[in-house]
Amino acid sequence: MLRIDCPFCGPRDESEFVNGGEVPAPRPDERCSDAEWTAHLFEHDNVRGVLRERWLHAWGCRRWFDARRDTVSHAILAIGEIGDGAR
């Protein structure tokens, strides 16, 4: 089982967390086309290697945070609060 070091609660088992997926790219401008909006919502890189992800500590503090994780080995390389950590 993967151990995740919640930046607010400390190390916990993976079963307490929900993976929110890749850290989203900045939202397109409100005047974007339907195709641009669709691409923003559904087209992701599916990286093999290091990826920035958003995680929710669902069975703990219920807070979101960012993590950098290697998608091949599942090793978590960095964790931090949204916007400042996991870079």
PDB file of N, CA and C in Angstrom:
ATOM      1  N   MET A   1       0.845  -1.180   0.000  1.00  0.00           N
ATOM      2  CA  MET A   1       0.000   0.000   0.000  1.00  0.00           C
ATOM      3  C   MET A   1       0.887   1.239   0.000  1.00  0.00           C
ATOM      4  N   LEU A   2       0.467   2.238  -0.724  1.00  0.00           N
ATOM      5  CA  LEU A   2       1.166   3.518  -0.802  1.00  0.00           C
ATOM      6  C   LEU A   2       0.912   4.321   0.469  1.00  0.00           C
ATOM      7  N   ARG A   3       1.963   4.934   1.012  1.00  0.00           N
ATOM      8  CA  ARG A   3       1.824   5.845   2.153  1.00  0.00           C
ATOM      9  C   ARG A   3       1.935   7.265   1.609  1.00  0.00           C
ATOM     10  N   ILE A   4       0.979   8.102   1.953  1.00  0.00           N
ATOM     11  CA  ILE A   4       0.954   9.479   1.484  1.00  0.00           C
ATOM     12  C   ILE A   4       1.114  10.384   2.700  1.00  0.00           C
ATOM     13  N   ASP A   5       2.040  11.324   2.593  1.00  0.00           N
ATOM     14  CA  ASP A   5       2.326  12.241   3.691  1.00  0.00           C
ATOM     15  C   ASP A   5       1.468  13.494   3.532  1.00  0.00           C
ATOM     16  N   CYS A   6       0.284  13.472   4.109  1.00  0.00           N
ATOM     17  CA  CYS A   6      -0.610  14.627   4.043  1.00  0.00           C
ATOM     18  C   CYS A   6       0.102  15.834   4.649  1.00  0.00           C
ATOM     19  N   PRO A   7       0.124  16.979   3.943  1.00  0.00           N
ATOM     20  CA  PRO A   7       0.816  18.146   4.492  1.00  0.00           C
ATOM     21  C   PRO A   7       0.144  18.710   5.744  1.00  0.00           C
ATOM     22  N   PHE A   8      -1.053  18.253   6.049  1.00  0.00           N
ATOM     23  CA  PHE A   8      -1.793  18.768   7.210  1.00  0.00           C
ATOM     24  C   PHE A   8      -1.882  17.752   8.349  1.00  0.00           C
ATOM     25  N   CYS A   9      -1.895  16.444   8.027  1.00  0.00           N
ATOM     26  CA  CYS A   9      -2.103  15.397   9.040  1.00  0.00           C
ATOM     27  C   CYS A   9      -0.919  14.453   9.221  1.00  0.00           C
ATOM     28  N   GLY A  10       0.031  14.472   8.289  1.00  0.00           N
ATOM     29  CA  GLY A  10       1.155  13.552   8.351  1.00  0.00           C
ATOM     30  C   GLY A  10       0.889  12.294   7.539  1.00  0.00           C
ATOM     31  N   PRO A  11       1.780  11.298   7.637  1.00  0.00           N
ATOM     32  CA  PRO A  11       1.686  10.083   6.822  1.00  0.00           C
ATOM     33  C   PRO A  11       0.434   9.257   7.135  1.00  0.00           C
ATOM     34  N   ARG A  12      -0.244   8.843   6.061  1.00  0.00           N
ATOM     35  CA  ARG A  12      -1.453   8.016   6.177  1.00  0.00           C
ATOM     36  C   ARG A  12      -1.469   7.009   5.029  1.00  0.00           C
ATOM     37  N   ASP A  13      -2.292   5.968   5.175  1.00  0.00           N
ATOM     38  CA  ASP A  13      -2.448   4.972   4.109  1.00  0.00           C
ATOM     39  C   ASP A  13      -3.198   5.563   2.927  1.00  0.00           C
ATOM     40  N   GLU A  14      -2.867   5.078   1.753  1.00  0.00           N
ATOM     41  CA  GLU A  14      -3.486   5.532   0.508  1.00  0.00           C
ATOM     42  C   GLU A  14      -5.006   5.420   0.539  1.00  0.00           C
ATOM     43  N   SER A  15      -5.538   4.458   1.269  1.00  0.00           N
ATOM     44  CA  SER A  15      -6.988   4.235   1.301  1.00  0.00           C
ATOM     45  C   SER A  15      -7.758   5.440   1.868  1.00  0.00           C
ATOM     46  N   GLU A  16      -7.076   6.358   2.561  1.00  0.00           N
ATOM     47  CA  GLU A  16      -7.732   7.547   3.110  1.00  0.00           C
ATOM     48  C   GLU A  16      -7.876   8.670   2.095  1.00  0.00           C
ATOM     49  N   PHE A  17      -7.262   8.510   0.911  1.00  0.00           N
ATOM     50  CA  PHE A  17      -7.174   9.590  -0.061  1.00  0.00           C
ATOM     51  C   PHE A  17      -7.929   9.286  -1.346  1.00  0.00           C
ATOM     52  N   VAL A  18      -8.268  10.354  -2.066  1.00  0.00           N
ATOM     53  CA  VAL A  18      -8.876  10.261  -3.398  1.00  0.00           C
ATOM     54  C   VAL A  18      -7.983  11.050  -4.350  1.00  0.00           C
ATOM     55  N   ASN A  19      -7.599  10.415  -5.444  1.00  0.00           N
ATOM     56  CA  ASN A  19      -6.783  11.090  -6.449  1.00  0.00           C
ATOM     57  C   ASN A  19      -7.692  11.954  -7.303  1.00  0.00           C
ATOM     58  N   GLY A  20      -7.401  13.248  -7.363  1.00  0.00           N
ATOM     59  CA  GLY A  20      -8.199  14.189  -8.144  1.00  0.00           C
ATOM     60  C   GLY A  20      -7.687  14.384  -9.556  1.00  0.00           C
ATOM     61  N   GLY A  21      -6.646  13.642  -9.922  1.00  0.00           N
ATOM     62  CA  GLY A  21      -6.125  13.733 -11.279  1.00  0.00           C
ATOM     63  C   GLY A  21      -5.047  14.783 -11.433  1.00  0.00           C
ATOM     64  N   GLU A  22      -4.669  14.986 -12.663  1.00  0.00           N
ATOM     65  CA  GLU A  22      -3.614  15.924 -13.014  1.00  0.00           C
ATOM     66  C   GLU A  22      -3.983  17.346 -12.572  1.00  0.00           C
ATOM     67  N   VAL A  23      -2.983  18.084 -12.073  1.00  0.00           N
ATOM     68  CA  VAL A  23      -3.226  19.485 -11.715  1.00  0.00           C
ATOM     69  C   VAL A  23      -3.690  20.190 -12.974  1.00  0.00           C
ATOM     70  N   PRO A  24      -4.842  20.816 -12.923  1.00  0.00           N
ATOM     71  CA  PRO A  24      -5.406  21.398 -14.145  1.00  0.00           C
ATOM     72  C   PRO A  24      -4.599  22.571 -14.677  1.00  0.00           C
ATOM     73  N   ALA A  25      -4.626  22.680 -15.995  1.00  0.00           N
ATOM     74  CA  ALA A  25      -4.044  23.851 -16.649  1.00  0.00           C
ATOM     75  C   ALA A  25      -4.932  25.047 -16.319  1.00  0.00           C
ATOM     76  N   PRO A  26      -4.402  26.253 -16.449  1.00  0.00           N
ATOM     77  CA  PRO A  26      -5.254  27.427 -16.196  1.00  0.00           C
ATOM     78  C   PRO A  26      -6.507  27.408 -17.074  1.00  0.00           C
ATOM     79  N   ARG A  27      -7.609  27.851 -16.508  1.00  0.00           N
ATOM     80  CA  ARG A  27      -8.872  27.890 -17.265  1.00  0.00           C
ATOM     81  C   ARG A  27      -8.734  28.793 -18.473  1.00  0.00           C
ATOM     82  N   PRO A  28      -9.310  28.385 -19.595  1.00  0.00           N
ATOM     83  CA  PRO A  28      -9.305  29.276 -20.754  1.00  0.00           C
ATOM     84  C   PRO A  28     -10.188  30.495 -20.502  1.00  0.00           C
ATOM     85  N   ASP A  29      -9.968  31.512 -21.266  1.00  0.00           N
ATOM     86  CA  ASP A  29     -10.756  32.731 -21.187  1.00  0.00           C
ATOM     87  C   ASP A  29     -12.229  32.399 -21.431  1.00  0.00           C
ATOM     88  N   GLU A  30     -13.137  33.160 -20.842  1.00  0.00           N
ATOM     89  CA  GLU A  30     -14.578  32.894 -20.990  1.00  0.00           C
ATOM     90  C   GLU A  30     -15.057  33.018 -22.434  1.00  0.00           C
ATOM     91  N   ARG A  31     -14.272  33.652 -23.287  1.00  0.00           N
ATOM     92  CA  ARG A  31     -14.648  33.790 -24.698  1.00  0.00           C
ATOM     93  C   ARG A  31     -14.096  32.655 -25.554  1.00  0.00           C
ATOM     94  N   CYS A  32     -13.598  31.589 -24.920  1.00  0.00           N
ATOM     95  CA  CYS A  32     -13.004  30.485 -25.681  1.00  0.00           C
ATOM     96  C   CYS A  32     -14.080  29.747 -26.486  1.00  0.00           C
ATOM     97  N   SER A  33     -13.626  29.034 -27.487  1.00  0.00           N
ATOM     98  CA  SER A  33     -14.543  28.263 -28.331  1.00  0.00           C
ATOM     99  C   SER A  33     -14.960  26.984 -27.609  1.00  0.00           C
ATOM    100  N   ASP A  34     -15.992  26.321 -28.117  1.00  0.00           N
ATOM    101  CA  ASP A  34     -16.417  25.038 -27.556  1.00  0.00           C
ATOM    102  C   ASP A  34     -15.283  24.021 -27.642  1.00  0.00           C
ATOM    103  N   ALA A  35     -14.539  24.038 -28.730  1.00  0.00           N
ATOM    104  CA  ALA A  35     -13.427  23.095 -28.912  1.00  0.00           C
ATOM    105  C   ALA A  35     -12.330  23.341 -27.871  1.00  0.00           C
ATOM    106  N   GLU A  36     -12.029  24.608 -27.581  1.00  0.00           N
ATOM    107  CA  GLU A  36     -11.012  24.925 -26.576  1.00  0.00           C
ATOM    108  C   GLU A  36     -11.469  24.495 -25.183  1.00  0.00           C
ATOM    109  N   TRP A  37     -12.734  24.707 -24.872  1.00  0.00           N
ATOM    110  CA  TRP A  37     -13.272  24.310 -23.564  1.00  0.00           C
ATOM    111  C   TRP A  37     -13.267  22.792 -23.429  1.00  0.00           C
ATOM    112  N   THR A  38     -13.665  22.090 -24.475  1.00  0.00           N
ATOM    113  CA  THR A  38     -13.650  20.625 -24.468  1.00  0.00           C
ATOM    114  C   THR A  38     -12.233  20.109 -24.255  1.00  0.00           C
ATOM    115  N   ALA A  39     -11.271  20.699 -24.953  1.00  0.00           N
ATOM    116  CA  ALA A  39      -9.870  20.290 -24.801  1.00  0.00           C
ATOM    117  C   ALA A  39      -9.403  20.504 -23.360  1.00  0.00           C
ATOM    118  N   HIS A  40      -9.780  21.613 -22.764  1.00  0.00           N
ATOM    119  CA  HIS A  40      -9.390  21.897 -21.380  1.00  0.00           C
ATOM    120  C   HIS A  40      -9.959  20.850 -20.420  1.00  0.00           C
ATOM    121  N   LEU A  41     -11.186  20.442 -20.634  1.00  0.00           N
ATOM    122  CA  LEU A  41     -11.835  19.500 -19.724  1.00  0.00           C
ATOM    123  C   LEU A  41     -11.388  18.055 -19.917  1.00  0.00           C
ATOM    124  N   PHE A  42     -11.164  17.643 -21.160  1.00  0.00           N
ATOM    125  CA  PHE A  42     -11.012  16.212 -21.427  1.00  0.00           C
ATOM    126  C   PHE A  42      -9.676  15.767 -22.004  1.00  0.00           C
ATOM    127  N   GLU A  43      -8.878  16.649 -22.545  1.00  0.00           N
ATOM    128  CA  GLU A  43      -7.628  16.235 -23.174  1.00  0.00           C
ATOM    129  C   GLU A  43      -6.465  16.461 -22.214  1.00  0.00           C
ATOM    130  N   HIS A  44      -5.865  15.355 -21.768  1.00  0.00           N
ATOM    131  CA  HIS A  44      -4.745  15.415 -20.838  1.00  0.00           C
ATOM    132  C   HIS A  44      -3.568  14.660 -21.438  1.00  0.00           C
ATOM    133  N   ASP A  45      -2.373  14.926 -20.934  1.00  0.00           N
ATOM    134  CA  ASP A  45      -1.164  14.352 -21.510  1.00  0.00           C
ATOM    135  C   ASP A  45      -0.957  12.875 -21.197  1.00  0.00           C
ATOM    136  N   ASN A  46      -1.504  12.357 -20.099  1.00  0.00           N
ATOM    137  CA  ASN A  46      -1.310  10.972 -19.680  1.00  0.00           C
ATOM    138  C   ASN A  46       0.179  10.632 -19.639  1.00  0.00           C
ATOM    139  N   VAL A  47       0.899  11.381 -18.847  1.00  0.00           N
ATOM    140  CA  VAL A  47       2.352  11.311 -18.770  1.00  0.00           C
ATOM    141  C   VAL A  47       2.831   9.988 -18.207  1.00  0.00           C
ATOM    142  N   ARG A  48       3.867   9.433 -18.828  1.00  0.00           N
ATOM    143  CA  ARG A  48       4.572   8.281 -18.268  1.00  0.00           C
ATOM    144  C   ARG A  48       5.832   8.851 -17.634  1.00  0.00           C
ATOM    145  N   GLY A  49       5.808   8.990 -16.332  1.00  0.00           N
ATOM    146  CA  GLY A  49       6.906   9.627 -15.607  1.00  0.00           C
ATOM    147  C   GLY A  49       6.337  10.534 -14.533  1.00  0.00           C
ATOM    148  N   VAL A  50       6.985  11.658 -14.302  1.00  0.00           N
ATOM    149  CA  VAL A  50       6.595  12.552 -13.212  1.00  0.00           C
ATOM    150  C   VAL A  50       5.399  13.409 -13.621  1.00  0.00           C
ATOM    151  N   LEU A  51       4.403  13.430 -12.752  1.00  0.00           N
ATOM    152  CA  LEU A  51       3.152  14.140 -13.009  1.00  0.00           C
ATOM    153  C   LEU A  51       2.750  14.914 -11.756  1.00  0.00           C
ATOM    154  N   ARG A  52       2.241  16.123 -11.932  1.00  0.00           N
ATOM    155  CA  ARG A  52       1.679  16.876 -10.804  1.00  0.00           C
ATOM    156  C   ARG A  52       0.210  16.509 -10.675  1.00  0.00           C
ATOM    157  N   GLU A  53      -0.189  16.082  -9.492  1.00  0.00           N
ATOM    158  CA  GLU A  53      -1.556  15.625  -9.249  1.00  0.00           C
ATOM    159  C   GLU A  53      -2.166  16.375  -8.070  1.00  0.00           C
ATOM    160  N   ARG A  54      -3.478  16.349  -8.036  1.00  0.00           N
ATOM    161  CA  ARG A  54      -4.224  16.920  -6.919  1.00  0.00           C
ATOM    162  C   ARG A  54      -4.830  15.743  -6.143  1.00  0.00           C
ATOM    163  N   TRP A  55      -4.698  15.772  -4.814  1.00  0.00           N
ATOM    164  CA  TRP A  55      -5.207  14.716  -3.948  1.00  0.00           C
ATOM    165  C   TRP A  55      -6.105  15.314  -2.872  1.00  0.00           C
ATOM    166  N   LEU A  56      -7.103  14.543  -2.451  1.00  0.00           N
ATOM    167  CA  LEU A  56      -8.007  14.913  -1.366  1.00  0.00           C
ATOM    168  C   LEU A  56      -7.823  13.920  -0.229  1.00  0.00           C
ATOM    169  N   HIS A  57      -7.608  14.423   0.985  1.00  0.00           N
ATOM    170  CA  HIS A  57      -7.539  13.549   2.153  1.00  0.00           C
ATOM    171  C   HIS A  57      -8.967  13.335   2.647  1.00  0.00           C
ATOM    172  N   ALA A  58      -9.670  12.446   1.949  1.00  0.00           N
ATOM    173  CA  ALA A  58     -11.111  12.251   2.143  1.00  0.00           C
ATOM    174  C   ALA A  58     -11.474  11.716   3.525  1.00  0.00           C
ATOM    175  N   TRP A  59     -10.629  10.856   4.110  1.00  0.00           N
ATOM    176  CA  TRP A  59     -10.958  10.252   5.404  1.00  0.00           C
ATOM    177  C   TRP A  59     -10.131  10.858   6.531  1.00  0.00           C
ATOM    178  N   GLY A  60      -9.656  12.074   6.306  1.00  0.00           N
ATOM    179  CA  GLY A  60      -8.879  12.778   7.327  1.00  0.00           C
ATOM    180  C   GLY A  60      -9.345  14.217   7.414  1.00  0.00           C
ATOM    181  N   CYS A  61      -8.469  15.122   7.064  1.00  0.00           N
ATOM    182  CA  CYS A  61      -8.759  16.556   7.198  1.00  0.00           C
ATOM    183  C   CYS A  61      -9.672  17.093   6.095  1.00  0.00           C
ATOM    184  N   ARG A  62      -9.942  16.301   5.061  1.00  0.00           N
ATOM    185  CA  ARG A  62     -10.809  16.670   3.934  1.00  0.00           C
ATOM    186  C   ARG A  62     -10.275  17.885   3.177  1.00  0.00           C
ATOM    187  N   ARG A  63      -8.957  18.025   3.140  1.00  0.00           N
ATOM    188  CA  ARG A  63      -8.331  19.138   2.417  1.00  0.00           C
ATOM    189  C   ARG A  63      -7.624  18.617   1.177  1.00  0.00           C
ATOM    190  N   TRP A  64      -7.571  19.475   0.155  1.00  0.00           N
ATOM    191  CA  TRP A  64      -6.885  19.164  -1.090  1.00  0.00           C
ATOM    192  C   TRP A  64      -5.429  19.622  -1.002  1.00  0.00           C
ATOM    193  N   PHE A  65      -4.550  18.917  -1.702  1.00  0.00           N
ATOM    194  CA  PHE A  65      -3.149  19.313  -1.797  1.00  0.00           C
ATOM    195  C   PHE A  65      -2.587  18.799  -3.116  1.00  0.00           C
ATOM    196  N   ASP A  66      -1.406  19.307  -3.479  1.00  0.00           N
ATOM    197  CA  ASP A  66      -0.731  18.887  -4.704  1.00  0.00           C
ATOM    198  C   ASP A  66       0.386  17.910  -4.376  1.00  0.00           C
ATOM    199  N   ALA A  67       0.634  17.008  -5.308  1.00  0.00           N
ATOM    200  CA  ALA A  67       1.740  16.055  -5.167  1.00  0.00           C
ATOM    201  C   ALA A  67       2.397  15.858  -6.522  1.00  0.00           C
ATOM    202  N   ARG A  68       3.691  15.600  -6.490  1.00  0.00           N
ATOM    203  CA  ARG A  68       4.409  15.185  -7.687  1.00  0.00           C
ATOM    204  C   ARG A  68       4.671  13.700  -7.529  1.00  0.00           C
ATOM    205  N   ARG A  69       4.169  12.885  -8.496  1.00  0.00           N
ATOM    206  CA  ARG A  69       4.261  11.430  -8.384  1.00  0.00           C
ATOM    207  C   ARG A  69       4.785  10.860  -9.684  1.00  0.00           C
ATOM    208  N   ASP A  70       5.658   9.859  -9.563  1.00  0.00           N
ATOM    209  CA  ASP A  70       6.152   9.142 -10.731  1.00  0.00           C
ATOM    210  C   ASP A  70       5.107   8.093 -11.090  1.00  0.00           C
ATOM    211  N   THR A  71       4.502   8.200 -12.270  1.00  0.00           N
ATOM    212  CA  THR A  71       3.424   7.291 -12.655  1.00  0.00           C
ATOM    213  C   THR A  71       3.927   5.892 -12.992  1.00  0.00           C
ATOM    214  N   VAL A  72       5.235   5.726 -13.147  1.00  0.00           N
ATOM    215  CA  VAL A  72       5.792   4.400 -13.424  1.00  0.00           C
ATOM    216  C   VAL A  72       6.018   3.636 -12.121  1.00  0.00           C
ATOM    217  N   SER A  73       6.708   4.275 -11.174  1.00  0.00           N
ATOM    218  CA  SER A  73       7.036   3.606  -9.908  1.00  0.00           C
ATOM    219  C   SER A  73       6.029   3.898  -8.797  1.00  0.00           C
ATOM    220  N   HIS A  74       5.168   4.879  -8.991  1.00  0.00           N
ATOM    221  CA  HIS A  74       4.192   5.365  -8.003  1.00  0.00           C
ATOM    222  C   HIS A  74       4.856   6.062  -6.822  1.00  0.00           C
ATOM    223  N   ALA A  75       6.155   6.324  -6.914  1.00  0.00           N
ATOM    224  CA  ALA A  75       6.853   7.034  -5.836  1.00  0.00           C
ATOM    225  C   ALA A  75       6.371   8.484  -5.787  1.00  0.00           C
ATOM    226  N   ILE A  76       6.075   8.955  -4.578  1.00  0.00           N
ATOM    227  CA  ILE A  76       5.685  10.348  -4.399  1.00  0.00           C
ATOM    228  C   ILE A  76       6.957  11.144  -4.132  1.00  0.00           C
ATOM    229  N   LEU A  77       7.216  12.122  -4.990  1.00  0.00           N
ATOM    230  CA  LEU A  77       8.461  12.876  -4.948  1.00  0.00           C
ATOM    231  C   LEU A  77       8.358  14.164  -4.143  1.00  0.00           C
ATOM    232  N   ALA A  78       7.186  14.763  -4.098  1.00  0.00           N
ATOM    233  CA  ALA A  78       6.989  16.012  -3.348  1.00  0.00           C
ATOM    234  C   ALA A  78       5.509  16.194  -3.056  1.00  0.00           C
ATOM    235  N   ILE A  79       5.220  16.837  -1.941  1.00  0.00           N
ATOM    236  CA  ILE A  79       3.851  17.129  -1.540  1.00  0.00           C
ATOM    237  C   ILE A  79       3.819  18.540  -0.979  1.00  0.00           C
ATOM    238  N   GLY A  80       2.755  19.263  -1.250  1.00  0.00           N
ATOM    239  CA  GLY A  80       2.619  20.606  -0.701  1.00  0.00           C
ATOM    240  C   GLY A  80       1.211  21.130  -0.867  1.00  0.00           C
ATOM    241  N   GLU A  81       0.970  22.268  -0.270  1.00  0.00           N
ATOM    242  CA  GLU A  81      -0.343  22.893  -0.398  1.00  0.00           C
ATOM    243  C   GLU A  81      -0.579  23.317  -1.842  1.00  0.00           C
ATOM    244  N   ILE A  82      -1.816  23.450  -2.218  1.00  0.00           N
ATOM    245  CA  ILE A  82      -2.168  23.829  -3.587  1.00  0.00           C
ATOM    246  C   ILE A  82      -1.505  25.154  -3.929  1.00  0.00           C
ATOM    247  N   GLY A  83      -0.831  25.145  -5.058  1.00  0.00           N
ATOM    248  CA  GLY A  83      -0.220  26.364  -5.570  1.00  0.00           C
ATOM    249  C   GLY A  83       1.205  26.613  -5.139  1.00  0.00           C
ATOM    250  N   ASP A  84       1.656  26.060  -4.024  1.00  0.00           N
ATOM    251  CA  ASP A  84       3.042  26.342  -3.604  1.00  0.00           C
ATOM    252  C   ASP A  84       3.902  25.098  -3.481  1.00  0.00           C
ATOM    253  N   GLY A  85       3.310  23.954  -3.410  1.00  0.00           N
ATOM    254  CA  GLY A  85       4.096  22.749  -3.221  1.00  0.00           C
ATOM    255  C   GLY A  85       4.110  21.855  -4.437  1.00  0.00           C
ATOM    256  N   ALA A  86       4.856  20.797  -4.324  1.00  0.00           N
ATOM    257  CA  ALA A  86       4.914  19.762  -5.354  1.00  0.00           C
ATOM    258  C   ALA A  86       5.384  20.284  -6.691  1.00  0.00           C
ATOM    259  N   ARG A  87       6.277  21.222  -6.683  1.00  0.00           N
ATOM    260  CA  ARG A  87       6.827  21.751  -7.957  1.00  0.00           C
ATOM    261  C   ARG A  87       8.144  21.092  -8.259  1.00  0.00           C
TER     262      ARG A  87
END
